[in-house]
């Protein structure tokens, strides 16, 4: 998969573009993981103000929580680097609900 830009901050005009690119990245991720045999259970699962999980899927007998981070370039780091300990804790909290 090629990186997509998913910067959620910016000007009002940029926000819509970022949201669209974010949705495109999530759509691409869903297609990719479906090809690997994952069943998509829910997209953009929100739990109040605590947070959101981009994709909830099932693979074999395992529930899988997926954070999608796309980039057009790596000037702000890799997608993996952007899922820092704070974001990991937030994902764990939402997943445990």
C-alpha atoms as a PDB file:
ATOM      1  CA  UNK A   1       0.000   0.000   0.000  1.00  0.00           C
ATOM      2  CA  UNK A   2       1.226   3.479  -0.802  1.00  0.00           C
ATOM      3  CA  UNK A   3       1.141   6.050   2.001  1.00  0.00           C
ATOM      4  CA  UNK A   4      -1.666   8.606   2.074  1.00  0.00           C
ATOM      5  CA  UNK A   5      -1.684  11.913   3.915  1.00  0.00           C
ATOM      6  CA  UNK A   6      -3.991  11.820   6.939  1.00  0.00           C
ATOM      7  CA  UNK A   7      -3.238  15.018   8.788  1.00  0.00           C
ATOM      8  CA  UNK A   8      -6.330  15.843  10.846  1.00  0.00           C
ATOM      9  CA  UNK A   9      -5.210  19.399  11.628  1.00  0.00           C
ATOM     10  CA  UNK A  10      -5.124  22.381   9.326  1.00  0.00           C
ATOM     11  CA  UNK A  11      -7.257  25.115   7.856  1.00  0.00           C
ATOM     12  CA  UNK A  12     -10.981  24.683   7.279  1.00  0.00           C
ATOM     13  CA  UNK A  13     -10.373  24.071   3.569  1.00  0.00           C
ATOM     14  CA  UNK A  14      -7.602  21.589   4.385  1.00  0.00           C
ATOM     15  CA  UNK A  15      -9.723  19.746   6.933  1.00  0.00           C
ATOM     16  CA  UNK A  16     -12.163  18.475   4.314  1.00  0.00           C
ATOM     17  CA  UNK A  17      -9.316  17.341   2.094  1.00  0.00           C
ATOM     18  CA  UNK A  18      -7.638  15.593   5.041  1.00  0.00           C
ATOM     19  CA  UNK A  19     -10.886  13.896   6.008  1.00  0.00           C
ATOM     20  CA  UNK A  20     -11.374  12.684   2.424  1.00  0.00           C
ATOM     21  CA  UNK A  21      -7.808  11.377   2.292  1.00  0.00           C
ATOM     22  CA  UNK A  22      -8.337   9.725   5.657  1.00  0.00           C
ATOM     23  CA  UNK A  23     -11.438   7.946   4.388  1.00  0.00           C
ATOM     24  CA  UNK A  24      -9.564   6.897   1.253  1.00  0.00           C
ATOM     25  CA  UNK A  25      -6.767   5.469   3.397  1.00  0.00           C
ATOM     26  CA  UNK A  26      -9.243   3.570   5.565  1.00  0.00           C
ATOM     27  CA  UNK A  27     -11.015   2.231   2.485  1.00  0.00           C
ATOM     28  CA  UNK A  28      -7.696   1.046   1.055  1.00  0.00           C
ATOM     29  CA  UNK A  29      -6.789  -0.564   4.391  1.00  0.00           C
ATOM     30  CA  UNK A  30     -10.149  -2.370   4.536  1.00  0.00           C
ATOM     31  CA  UNK A  31      -9.679  -3.774   1.037  1.00  0.00           C
ATOM     32  CA  UNK A  32      -6.138  -4.871   1.890  1.00  0.00           C
ATOM     33  CA  UNK A  33      -7.013  -6.646   5.123  1.00  0.00           C
ATOM     34  CA  UNK A  34     -10.120  -8.241   3.556  1.00  0.00           C
ATOM     35  CA  UNK A  35      -7.818  -9.773   0.930  1.00  0.00           C
ATOM     36  CA  UNK A  36      -5.821 -11.240   3.819  1.00  0.00           C
ATOM     37  CA  UNK A  37      -8.949 -12.956   5.147  1.00  0.00           C
ATOM     38  CA  UNK A  38     -10.057 -10.453   7.788  1.00  0.00           C
ATOM     39  CA  UNK A  39     -13.770  -9.779   8.258  1.00  0.00           C
ATOM     40  CA  UNK A  40     -14.559  -6.096   8.818  1.00  0.00           C
ATOM     41  CA  UNK A  41     -16.852  -5.782  11.846  1.00  0.00           C
ATOM     42  CA  UNK A  42     -17.001  -2.000  12.293  1.00  0.00           C
ATOM     43  CA  UNK A  43     -15.347   1.118  10.930  1.00  0.00           C
ATOM     44  CA  UNK A  44     -14.758   4.307  12.926  1.00  0.00           C
ATOM     45  CA  UNK A  45     -15.865   2.784  16.222  1.00  0.00           C
ATOM     46  CA  UNK A  46     -16.270   5.650  18.694  1.00  0.00           C
ATOM     47  CA  UNK A  47     -16.634   5.403  22.421  1.00  0.00           C
ATOM     48  CA  UNK A  48     -17.846   8.750  23.708  1.00  0.00           C
ATOM     49  CA  UNK A  49     -15.066  11.284  23.986  1.00  0.00           C
ATOM     50  CA  UNK A  50     -12.473   8.664  24.873  1.00  0.00           C
ATOM     51  CA  UNK A  51     -11.502   7.879  21.310  1.00  0.00           C
ATOM     52  CA  UNK A  52     -12.028   6.039  18.083  1.00  0.00           C
ATOM     53  CA  UNK A  53     -10.750   2.852  16.498  1.00  0.00           C
ATOM     54  CA  UNK A  54     -10.515   3.088  12.713  1.00  0.00           C
ATOM     55  CA  UNK A  55     -11.260  -0.553  11.940  1.00  0.00           C
ATOM     56  CA  UNK A  56     -12.500  -3.421  14.082  1.00  0.00           C
ATOM     57  CA  UNK A  57     -12.038  -6.732  12.311  1.00  0.00           C
ATOM     58  CA  UNK A  58     -12.031 -10.439  12.996  1.00  0.00           C
ATOM     59  CA  UNK A  59      -9.372 -12.843  11.819  1.00  0.00           C
ATOM     60  CA  UNK A  60      -9.882 -16.503  12.540  1.00  0.00           C
ATOM     61  CA  UNK A  61     -11.051 -16.360  16.193  1.00  0.00           C
ATOM     62  CA  UNK A  62      -9.306 -13.097  17.089  1.00  0.00           C
ATOM     63  CA  UNK A  63     -10.845  -9.636  17.358  1.00  0.00           C
ATOM     64  CA  UNK A  64      -8.412  -7.144  15.791  1.00  0.00           C
ATOM     65  CA  UNK A  65      -8.289  -3.365  16.340  1.00  0.00           C
ATOM     66  CA  UNK A  66      -6.617  -1.419  13.530  1.00  0.00           C
ATOM     67  CA  UNK A  67      -5.379   2.162  13.508  1.00  0.00           C
ATOM     68  CA  UNK A  68      -4.916   3.532   9.982  1.00  0.00           C
ATOM     69  CA  UNK A  69      -2.158   6.087   9.497  1.00  0.00           C
ATOM     70  CA  UNK A  70      -1.468   7.157   5.943  1.00  0.00           C
ATOM     71  CA  UNK A  71       1.276   9.456   4.741  1.00  0.00           C
ATOM     72  CA  UNK A  72       2.104  11.129   1.436  1.00  0.00           C
ATOM     73  CA  UNK A  73       5.673  11.422   2.728  1.00  0.00           C
ATOM     74  CA  UNK A  74       7.557  10.692   5.908  1.00  0.00           C
ATOM     75  CA  UNK A  75       8.573  14.226   6.902  1.00  0.00           C
ATOM     76  CA  UNK A  76       6.527  13.811  10.116  1.00  0.00           C
ATOM     77  CA  UNK A  77       7.687  10.237  10.659  1.00  0.00           C
ATOM     78  CA  UNK A  78       6.402   6.863   9.617  1.00  0.00           C
ATOM     79  CA  UNK A  79       2.833   5.736  10.288  1.00  0.00           C
ATOM     80  CA  UNK A  80       4.172   3.319  12.895  1.00  0.00           C
ATOM     81  CA  UNK A  81       5.927   6.136  14.756  1.00  0.00           C
ATOM     82  CA  UNK A  82       2.703   8.156  14.941  1.00  0.00           C
ATOM     83  CA  UNK A  83       1.021   5.452  17.032  1.00  0.00           C
ATOM     84  CA  UNK A  84       2.915   6.566  20.117  1.00  0.00           C
ATOM     85  CA  UNK A  85       2.434   5.251  23.685  1.00  0.00           C
ATOM     86  CA  UNK A  86      -0.335   7.817  24.338  1.00  0.00           C
ATOM     87  CA  UNK A  87      -2.276   6.720  21.235  1.00  0.00           C
ATOM     88  CA  UNK A  88      -1.684   3.058  22.123  1.00  0.00           C
ATOM     89  CA  UNK A  89      -3.137   3.651  25.605  1.00  0.00           C
ATOM     90  CA  UNK A  90      -6.172   5.376  24.074  1.00  0.00           C
ATOM     91  CA  UNK A  91      -6.727   2.470  21.666  1.00  0.00           C
ATOM     92  CA  UNK A  92      -6.435  -0.048  24.507  1.00  0.00           C
ATOM     93  CA  UNK A  93      -8.970   1.916  26.558  1.00  0.00           C
ATOM     94  CA  UNK A  94     -11.524   2.039  23.722  1.00  0.00           C
ATOM     95  CA  UNK A  95     -10.926  -1.615  22.831  1.00  0.00           C
ATOM     96  CA  UNK A  96     -11.619  -2.667  26.420  1.00  0.00           C
ATOM     97  CA  UNK A  97     -15.033  -0.990  26.491  1.00  0.00           C
END
